[in-house]
């Protein structure tokens, strides 16, 4: 059975090196925004009304779809300001 472990020829693949890639400032801002929206939705859902939990659902679905498609609306907004 062939081995699926990375070889020395896979050195160009950053995920094979075992070292984490440092996220850009833009990526960090998007992550902070996603976390803030999620926690805000949870807080509003708990203290104001259960319909606010949909804000948390929206944030979670947006993060999931951006992982698969690479399309993230907040990144577009950040690029407009730079």
PDB file of N, CA and C in Angstrom:
ATOM      1  N   UNK A   1       0.855  -1.175   0.000  1.00  0.00           N
ATOM      2  CA  UNK A   1       0.000   0.000   0.000  1.00  0.00           C
ATOM      3  C   UNK A   1       0.903   1.240   0.000  1.00  0.00           C
ATOM      4  N   UNK A   2       0.650   2.230  -0.883  1.00  0.00           N
ATOM      5  CA  UNK A   2       1.494   3.422  -0.929  1.00  0.00           C
ATOM      6  C   UNK A   2       1.289   4.294   0.292  1.00  0.00           C
ATOM      7  N   UNK A   3       2.361   4.943   0.674  1.00  0.00           N
ATOM      8  CA  UNK A   3       2.318   5.828   1.829  1.00  0.00           C
ATOM      9  C   UNK A   3       1.737   7.183   1.436  1.00  0.00           C
ATOM     10  N   UNK A   4       0.918   7.771   2.317  1.00  0.00           N
ATOM     11  CA  UNK A   4       0.331   9.088   2.043  1.00  0.00           C
ATOM     12  C   UNK A   4       1.018  10.180   2.845  1.00  0.00           C
ATOM     13  N   UNK A   5       2.098   9.833   3.542  1.00  0.00           N
ATOM     14  CA  UNK A   5       2.816  10.831   4.328  1.00  0.00           C
ATOM     15  C   UNK A   5       3.542  11.793   3.406  1.00  0.00           C
ATOM     16  N   UNK A   6       3.668  13.068   3.807  1.00  0.00           N
ATOM     17  CA  UNK A   6       4.367  14.025   2.968  1.00  0.00           C
ATOM     18  C   UNK A   6       5.831  13.650   2.809  1.00  0.00           C
ATOM     19  N   UNK A   7       6.345  13.891   1.627  1.00  0.00           N
ATOM     20  CA  UNK A   7       7.740  13.608   1.337  1.00  0.00           C
ATOM     21  C   UNK A   7       8.500  14.919   1.237  1.00  0.00           C
ATOM     22  N   UNK A   8       9.790  14.812   1.013  1.00  0.00           N
ATOM     23  CA  UNK A   8      10.607  16.016   0.917  1.00  0.00           C
ATOM     24  C   UNK A   8      10.236  16.847  -0.307  1.00  0.00           C
ATOM     25  N   UNK A   9       9.587  16.251  -1.301  1.00  0.00           N
ATOM     26  CA  UNK A   9       9.177  17.009  -2.484  1.00  0.00           C
ATOM     27  C   UNK A   9       7.955  17.861  -2.204  1.00  0.00           C
ATOM     28  N   UNK A  10       7.271  17.630  -1.079  1.00  0.00           N
ATOM     29  CA  UNK A  10       6.089  18.409  -0.714  1.00  0.00           C
ATOM     30  C   UNK A  10       6.459  19.657   0.087  1.00  0.00           C
ATOM     31  N   UNK A  11       7.727  20.057   0.094  1.00  0.00           N
ATOM     32  CA  UNK A  11       8.171  21.187   0.913  1.00  0.00           C
ATOM     33  C   UNK A  11       7.515  22.496   0.504  1.00  0.00           C
ATOM     34  N   UNK A  12       7.056  22.596  -0.733  1.00  0.00           N
ATOM     35  CA  UNK A  12       6.416  23.840  -1.168  1.00  0.00           C
ATOM     36  C   UNK A  12       5.015  24.000  -0.584  1.00  0.00           C
ATOM     37  N   UNK A  13       4.441  22.928  -0.065  1.00  0.00           N
ATOM     38  CA  UNK A  13       3.120  22.978   0.544  1.00  0.00           C
ATOM     39  C   UNK A  13       3.267  23.443   1.988  1.00  0.00           C
ATOM     40  N   UNK A  14       2.749  24.676   2.336  1.00  0.00           N
ATOM     41  CA  UNK A  14       2.934  25.176   3.694  1.00  0.00           C
ATOM     42  C   UNK A  14       2.282  24.314   4.762  1.00  0.00           C
ATOM     43  N   UNK A  15       1.210  23.591   4.427  1.00  0.00           N
ATOM     44  CA  UNK A  15       0.558  22.760   5.433  1.00  0.00           C
ATOM     45  C   UNK A  15       1.375  21.523   5.751  1.00  0.00           C
ATOM     46  N   UNK A  16       2.294  21.148   4.869  1.00  0.00           N
ATOM     47  CA  UNK A  16       3.103  19.964   5.092  1.00  0.00           C
ATOM     48  C   UNK A  16       4.296  20.246   5.986  1.00  0.00           C
ATOM     49  N   UNK A  17       4.651  21.495   6.176  1.00  0.00           N
ATOM     50  CA  UNK A  17       5.842  21.825   6.950  1.00  0.00           C
ATOM     51  C   UNK A  17       5.608  21.747   8.457  1.00  0.00           C
ATOM     52  N   UNK A  18       4.358  21.741   8.904  1.00  0.00           N
ATOM     53  CA  UNK A  18       4.073  21.684  10.323  1.00  0.00           C
ATOM     54  C   UNK A  18       4.092  23.039  10.999  1.00  0.00           C
ATOM     55  N   UNK A  19       4.334  24.099  10.242  1.00  0.00           N
ATOM     56  CA  UNK A  19       4.379  25.446  10.798  1.00  0.00           C
ATOM     57  C   UNK A  19       3.096  26.168  10.403  1.00  0.00           C
ATOM     58  N   UNK A  20       2.465  26.824  11.373  1.00  0.00           N
ATOM     59  CA  UNK A  20       1.233  27.552  11.098  1.00  0.00           C
ATOM     60  C   UNK A  20       1.535  28.827  10.327  1.00  0.00           C
ATOM     61  N   UNK A  21       0.655  29.164   9.413  1.00  0.00           N
ATOM     62  CA  UNK A  21       0.768  30.399   8.651  1.00  0.00           C
ATOM     63  C   UNK A  21       0.180  31.523   9.484  1.00  0.00           C
ATOM     64  N   UNK A  22       0.852  32.662   9.495  1.00  0.00           N
ATOM     65  CA  UNK A  22       0.369  33.819  10.240  1.00  0.00           C
ATOM     66  C   UNK A  22      -0.708  34.503   9.415  1.00  0.00           C
ATOM     67  N   UNK A  23      -1.914  34.679   9.972  1.00  0.00           N
ATOM     68  CA  UNK A  23      -2.985  35.319   9.199  1.00  0.00           C
ATOM     69  C   UNK A  23      -2.703  36.801   8.994  1.00  0.00           C
ATOM     70  N   UNK A  24      -3.194  37.318   7.883  1.00  0.00           N
ATOM     71  CA  UNK A  24      -3.029  38.734   7.590  1.00  0.00           C
ATOM     72  C   UNK A  24      -3.921  39.559   8.514  1.00  0.00           C
ATOM     73  N   UNK A  25      -3.674  40.869   8.516  1.00  0.00           N
ATOM     74  CA  UNK A  25      -4.491  41.765   9.329  1.00  0.00           C
ATOM     75  C   UNK A  25      -5.950  41.699   8.897  1.00  0.00           C
ATOM     76  N   UNK A  26      -6.170  41.592   7.582  1.00  0.00           N
ATOM     77  CA  UNK A  26      -7.538  41.499   7.056  1.00  0.00           C
ATOM     78  C   UNK A  26      -8.240  40.252   7.574  1.00  0.00           C
ATOM     79  N   UNK A  27      -7.534  39.131   7.582  1.00  0.00           N
ATOM     80  CA  UNK A  27      -8.117  37.892   8.093  1.00  0.00           C
ATOM     81  C   UNK A  27      -8.434  37.997   9.582  1.00  0.00           C
ATOM     82  N   UNK A  28      -7.542  38.625  10.318  1.00  0.00           N
ATOM     83  CA  UNK A  28      -7.774  38.804  11.752  1.00  0.00           C
ATOM     84  C   UNK A  28      -9.014  39.652  12.000  1.00  0.00           C
ATOM     85  N   UNK A  29      -9.179  40.722  11.224  1.00  0.00           N
ATOM     86  CA  UNK A  29     -10.353  41.581  11.384  1.00  0.00           C
ATOM     87  C   UNK A  29     -11.643  40.829  11.084  1.00  0.00           C
ATOM     88  N   UNK A  30     -11.615  39.989  10.053  1.00  0.00           N
ATOM     89  CA  UNK A  30     -12.803  39.200   9.706  1.00  0.00           C
ATOM     90  C   UNK A  30     -13.133  38.225  10.829  1.00  0.00           C
ATOM     91  N   UNK A  31     -12.123  37.617  11.413  1.00  0.00           N
ATOM     92  CA  UNK A  31     -12.358  36.678  12.512  1.00  0.00           C
ATOM     93  C   UNK A  31     -12.912  37.395  13.742  1.00  0.00           C
ATOM     94  N   UNK A  32     -12.372  38.575  14.031  1.00  0.00           N
ATOM     95  CA  UNK A  32     -12.877  39.361  15.157  1.00  0.00           C
ATOM     96  C   UNK A  32     -14.329  39.755  14.909  1.00  0.00           C
ATOM     97  N   UNK A  33     -14.641  40.169  13.684  1.00  0.00           N
ATOM     98  CA  UNK A  33     -16.021  40.535  13.358  1.00  0.00           C
ATOM     99  C   UNK A  33     -16.958  39.340  13.523  1.00  0.00           C
ATOM    100  N   UNK A  34     -16.553  38.173  13.027  1.00  0.00           N
ATOM    101  CA  UNK A  34     -17.399  36.979  13.147  1.00  0.00           C
ATOM    102  C   UNK A  34     -17.634  36.615  14.610  1.00  0.00           C
ATOM    103  N   UNK A  35     -16.589  36.684  15.412  1.00  0.00           N
ATOM    104  CA  UNK A  35     -16.746  36.390  16.839  1.00  0.00           C
ATOM    105  C   UNK A  35     -17.620  37.401  17.546  1.00  0.00           C
ATOM    106  N   UNK A  36     -17.457  38.679  17.189  1.00  0.00           N
ATOM    107  CA  UNK A  36     -18.262  39.729  17.808  1.00  0.00           C
ATOM    108  C   UNK A  36     -19.730  39.584  17.455  1.00  0.00           C
ATOM    109  N   UNK A  37     -20.012  39.313  16.181  1.00  0.00           N
ATOM    110  CA  UNK A  37     -21.410  39.144  15.755  1.00  0.00           C
ATOM    111  C   UNK A  37     -22.021  37.928  16.439  1.00  0.00           C
ATOM    112  N   UNK A  38     -21.261  36.846  16.550  1.00  0.00           N
ATOM    113  CA  UNK A  38     -21.780  35.642  17.203  1.00  0.00           C
ATOM    114  C   UNK A  38     -22.096  35.885  18.675  1.00  0.00           C
ATOM    115  N   UNK A  39     -21.157  36.509  19.381  1.00  0.00           N
ATOM    116  CA  UNK A  39     -21.383  36.759  20.803  1.00  0.00           C
ATOM    117  C   UNK A  39     -22.482  37.794  21.030  1.00  0.00           C
ATOM    118  N   UNK A  40     -22.586  38.773  20.141  1.00  0.00           N
ATOM    119  CA  UNK A  40     -23.668  39.753  20.238  1.00  0.00           C
ATOM    120  C   UNK A  40     -25.022  39.081  20.050  1.00  0.00           C
ATOM    121  N   UNK A  41     -25.110  38.185  19.066  1.00  0.00           N
ATOM    122  CA  UNK A  41     -26.356  37.452  18.847  1.00  0.00           C
ATOM    123  C   UNK A  41     -26.738  36.592  20.037  1.00  0.00           C
ATOM    124  N   UNK A  42     -25.739  35.962  20.652  1.00  0.00           N
ATOM    125  CA  UNK A  42     -26.023  35.148  21.840  1.00  0.00           C
ATOM    126  C   UNK A  42     -26.505  36.014  22.995  1.00  0.00           C
ATOM    127  N   UNK A  43     -25.831  37.131  23.205  1.00  0.00           N
ATOM    128  CA  UNK A  43     -26.225  38.016  24.301  1.00  0.00           C
ATOM    129  C   UNK A  43     -27.610  38.598  24.097  1.00  0.00           C
ATOM    130  N   UNK A  44     -27.879  39.070  22.890  1.00  0.00           N
ATOM    131  CA  UNK A  44     -29.202  39.630  22.609  1.00  0.00           C
ATOM    132  C   UNK A  44     -30.289  38.555  22.686  1.00  0.00           C
ATOM    133  N   UNK A  45     -29.952  37.351  22.235  1.00  0.00           N
ATOM    134  CA  UNK A  45     -30.914  36.257  22.322  1.00  0.00           C
ATOM    135  C   UNK A  45     -31.258  35.911  23.752  1.00  0.00           C
ATOM    136  N   UNK A  46     -30.280  35.965  24.617  1.00  0.00           N
ATOM    137  CA  UNK A  46     -30.505  35.632  26.023  1.00  0.00           C
ATOM    138  C   UNK A  46     -31.233  36.750  26.765  1.00  0.00           C
ATOM    139  N   UNK A  47     -30.812  38.003  26.546  1.00  0.00           N
ATOM    140  CA  UNK A  47     -31.342  39.116  27.321  1.00  0.00           C
ATOM    141  C   UNK A  47     -32.545  39.829  26.691  1.00  0.00           C
ATOM    142  N   UNK A  48     -32.679  39.778  25.348  1.00  0.00           N
ATOM    143  CA  UNK A  48     -33.739  40.544  24.679  1.00  0.00           C
ATOM    144  C   UNK A  48     -34.841  39.639  24.162  1.00  0.00           C
ATOM    145  N   UNK A  49     -34.502  38.709  23.314  1.00  0.00           N
ATOM    146  CA  UNK A  49     -35.526  37.828  22.758  1.00  0.00           C
ATOM    147  C   UNK A  49     -34.892  36.743  21.905  1.00  0.00           C
ATOM    148  N   UNK A  50     -35.535  35.597  21.815  1.00  0.00           N
ATOM    149  CA  UNK A  50     -34.948  34.448  21.123  1.00  0.00           C
ATOM    150  C   UNK A  50     -34.733  34.647  19.623  1.00  0.00           C
ATOM    151  N   UNK A  51     -35.419  35.596  19.004  1.00  0.00           N
ATOM    152  CA  UNK A  51     -35.221  35.821  17.574  1.00  0.00           C
ATOM    153  C   UNK A  51     -33.810  36.318  17.269  1.00  0.00           C
ATOM    154  N   UNK A  52     -33.130  36.891  18.244  1.00  0.00           N
ATOM    155  CA  UNK A  52     -31.767  37.372  18.041  1.00  0.00           C
ATOM    156  C   UNK A  52     -30.768  36.239  17.850  1.00  0.00           C
ATOM    157  N   UNK A  53     -31.136  35.013  18.227  1.00  0.00           N
ATOM    158  CA  UNK A  53     -30.241  33.883  17.983  1.00  0.00           C
ATOM    159  C   UNK A  53     -30.007  33.671  16.486  1.00  0.00           C
ATOM    160  N   UNK A  54     -30.915  34.171  15.674  1.00  0.00           N
ATOM    161  CA  UNK A  54     -30.738  34.057  14.224  1.00  0.00           C
ATOM    162  C   UNK A  54     -29.508  34.835  13.751  1.00  0.00           C
ATOM    163  N   UNK A  55     -29.123  35.875  14.477  1.00  0.00           N
ATOM    164  CA  UNK A  55     -27.902  36.605  14.145  1.00  0.00           C
ATOM    165  C   UNK A  55     -26.680  35.700  14.295  1.00  0.00           C
ATOM    166  N   UNK A  56     -26.660  34.903  15.339  1.00  0.00           N
ATOM    167  CA  UNK A  56     -25.575  33.946  15.539  1.00  0.00           C
ATOM    168  C   UNK A  56     -25.584  32.880  14.451  1.00  0.00           C
ATOM    169  N   UNK A  57     -26.763  32.414  14.080  1.00  0.00           N
ATOM    170  CA  UNK A  57     -26.882  31.433  13.000  1.00  0.00           C
ATOM    171  C   UNK A  57     -26.352  32.018  11.700  1.00  0.00           C
ATOM    172  N   UNK A  58     -26.720  33.261  11.406  1.00  0.00           N
ATOM    173  CA  UNK A  58     -26.258  33.921  10.188  1.00  0.00           C
ATOM    174  C   UNK A  58     -24.730  34.020  10.170  1.00  0.00           C
ATOM    175  N   UNK A  59     -24.139  34.422  11.282  1.00  0.00           N
ATOM    176  CA  UNK A  59     -22.679  34.553  11.346  1.00  0.00           C
ATOM    177  C   UNK A  59     -22.009  33.197  11.136  1.00  0.00           C
ATOM    178  N   UNK A  60     -22.532  32.171  11.767  1.00  0.00           N
ATOM    179  CA  UNK A  60     -21.962  30.838  11.611  1.00  0.00           C
ATOM    180  C   UNK A  60     -22.063  30.316  10.189  1.00  0.00           C
ATOM    181  N   UNK A  61     -23.220  30.509   9.568  1.00  0.00           N
ATOM    182  CA  UNK A  61     -23.396  30.072   8.175  1.00  0.00           C
ATOM    183  C   UNK A  61     -22.483  30.847   7.227  1.00  0.00           C
ATOM    184  N   UNK A  62     -22.282  32.125   7.503  1.00  0.00           N
ATOM    185  CA  UNK A  62     -21.397  32.923   6.665  1.00  0.00           C
ATOM    186  C   UNK A  62     -19.956  32.431   6.756  1.00  0.00           C
ATOM    187  N   UNK A  63     -19.511  32.064   7.959  1.00  0.00           N
ATOM    188  CA  UNK A  63     -18.155  31.550   8.126  1.00  0.00           C
ATOM    189  C   UNK A  63     -17.999  30.217   7.398  1.00  0.00           C
ATOM    190  N   UNK A  64     -18.993  29.366   7.498  1.00  0.00           N
ATOM    191  CA  UNK A  64     -18.938  28.061   6.824  1.00  0.00           C
ATOM    192  C   UNK A  64     -18.913  28.219   5.311  1.00  0.00           C
ATOM    193  N   UNK A  65     -19.797  29.080   4.767  1.00  0.00           N
ATOM    194  CA  UNK A  65     -19.812  29.232   3.309  1.00  0.00           C
ATOM    195  C   UNK A  65     -18.522  29.871   2.807  1.00  0.00           C
ATOM    196  N   UNK A  66     -17.927  30.778   3.589  1.00  0.00           N
ATOM    197  CA  UNK A  66     -16.685  31.406   3.140  1.00  0.00           C
ATOM    198  C   UNK A  66     -15.530  30.410   3.148  1.00  0.00           C
ATOM    199  N   UNK A  67     -15.589  29.421   4.038  1.00  0.00           N
ATOM    200  CA  UNK A  67     -14.554  28.388   4.053  1.00  0.00           C
ATOM    201  C   UNK A  67     -14.605  27.538   2.788  1.00  0.00           C
ATOM    202  N   UNK A  68     -15.800  27.306   2.275  1.00  0.00           N
ATOM    203  CA  UNK A  68     -15.942  26.477   1.074  1.00  0.00           C
ATOM    204  C   UNK A  68     -15.791  27.268  -0.219  1.00  0.00           C
ATOM    205  N   UNK A  69     -16.262  28.519  -0.232  1.00  0.00           N
ATOM    206  CA  UNK A  69     -16.274  29.280  -1.482  1.00  0.00           C
ATOM    207  C   UNK A  69     -15.153  30.295  -1.588  1.00  0.00           C
ATOM    208  N   UNK A  70     -14.598  30.725  -0.456  1.00  0.00           N
ATOM    209  CA  UNK A  70     -13.581  31.764  -0.476  1.00  0.00           C
ATOM    210  C   UNK A  70     -14.164  33.161  -0.570  1.00  0.00           C
ATOM    211  N   UNK A  71     -15.479  33.274  -0.655  1.00  0.00           N
ATOM    212  CA  UNK A  71     -16.161  34.566  -0.751  1.00  0.00           C
ATOM    213  C   UNK A  71     -16.577  35.015   0.637  1.00  0.00           C
ATOM    214  N   UNK A  72     -16.088  36.188   1.046  1.00  0.00           N
ATOM    215  CA  UNK A  72     -16.401  36.714   2.370  1.00  0.00           C
ATOM    216  C   UNK A  72     -16.724  38.199   2.235  1.00  0.00           C
ATOM    217  N   UNK A  73     -18.002  38.577   2.368  1.00  0.00           N
ATOM    218  CA  UNK A  73     -18.389  39.981   2.198  1.00  0.00           C
ATOM    219  C   UNK A  73     -17.623  40.977   3.075  1.00  0.00           C
ATOM    220  N   UNK A  74     -17.323  40.681   4.352  1.00  0.00           N
ATOM    221  CA  UNK A  74     -16.552  41.660   5.126  1.00  0.00           C
ATOM    222  C   UNK A  74     -15.170  41.960   4.536  1.00  0.00           C
ATOM    223  N   UNK A  75     -14.533  40.978   3.890  1.00  0.00           N
ATOM    224  CA  UNK A  75     -13.238  41.226   3.266  1.00  0.00           C
ATOM    225  C   UNK A  75     -13.366  42.257   2.149  1.00  0.00           C
ATOM    226  N   UNK A  76     -14.457  42.224   1.411  1.00  0.00           N
ATOM    227  CA  UNK A  76     -14.688  43.187   0.343  1.00  0.00           C
ATOM    228  C   UNK A  76     -14.818  44.594   0.931  1.00  0.00           C
ATOM    229  N   UNK A  77     -15.545  44.700   2.026  1.00  0.00           N
ATOM    230  CA  UNK A  77     -15.716  46.002   2.676  1.00  0.00           C
ATOM    231  C   UNK A  77     -14.372  46.518   3.185  1.00  0.00           C
ATOM    232  N   UNK A  78     -13.556  45.657   3.784  1.00  0.00           N
ATOM    233  CA  UNK A  78     -12.244  46.072   4.279  1.00  0.00           C
ATOM    234  C   UNK A  78     -11.355  46.554   3.139  1.00  0.00           C
ATOM    235  N   UNK A  79     -11.432  45.913   1.982  1.00  0.00           N
ATOM    236  CA  UNK A  79     -10.635  46.328   0.833  1.00  0.00           C
ATOM    237  C   UNK A  79     -11.044  47.704   0.331  1.00  0.00           C
ATOM    238  N   UNK A  80     -12.326  48.049   0.433  1.00  0.00           N
ATOM    239  CA  UNK A  80     -12.784  49.377   0.010  1.00  0.00           C
ATOM    240  C   UNK A  80     -12.136  50.477   0.848  1.00  0.00           C
ATOM    241  N   UNK A  81     -11.909  50.186   2.137  1.00  0.00           N
ATOM    242  CA  UNK A  81     -11.346  51.191   3.034  1.00  0.00           C
ATOM    243  C   UNK A  81      -9.840  51.311   2.937  1.00  0.00           C
ATOM    244  N   UNK A  82      -9.191  50.384   2.252  1.00  0.00           N
ATOM    245  CA  UNK A  82      -7.723  50.444   2.128  1.00  0.00           C
ATOM    246  C   UNK A  82      -7.309  51.016   0.820  1.00  0.00           C
TER     247      UNK A  82
END
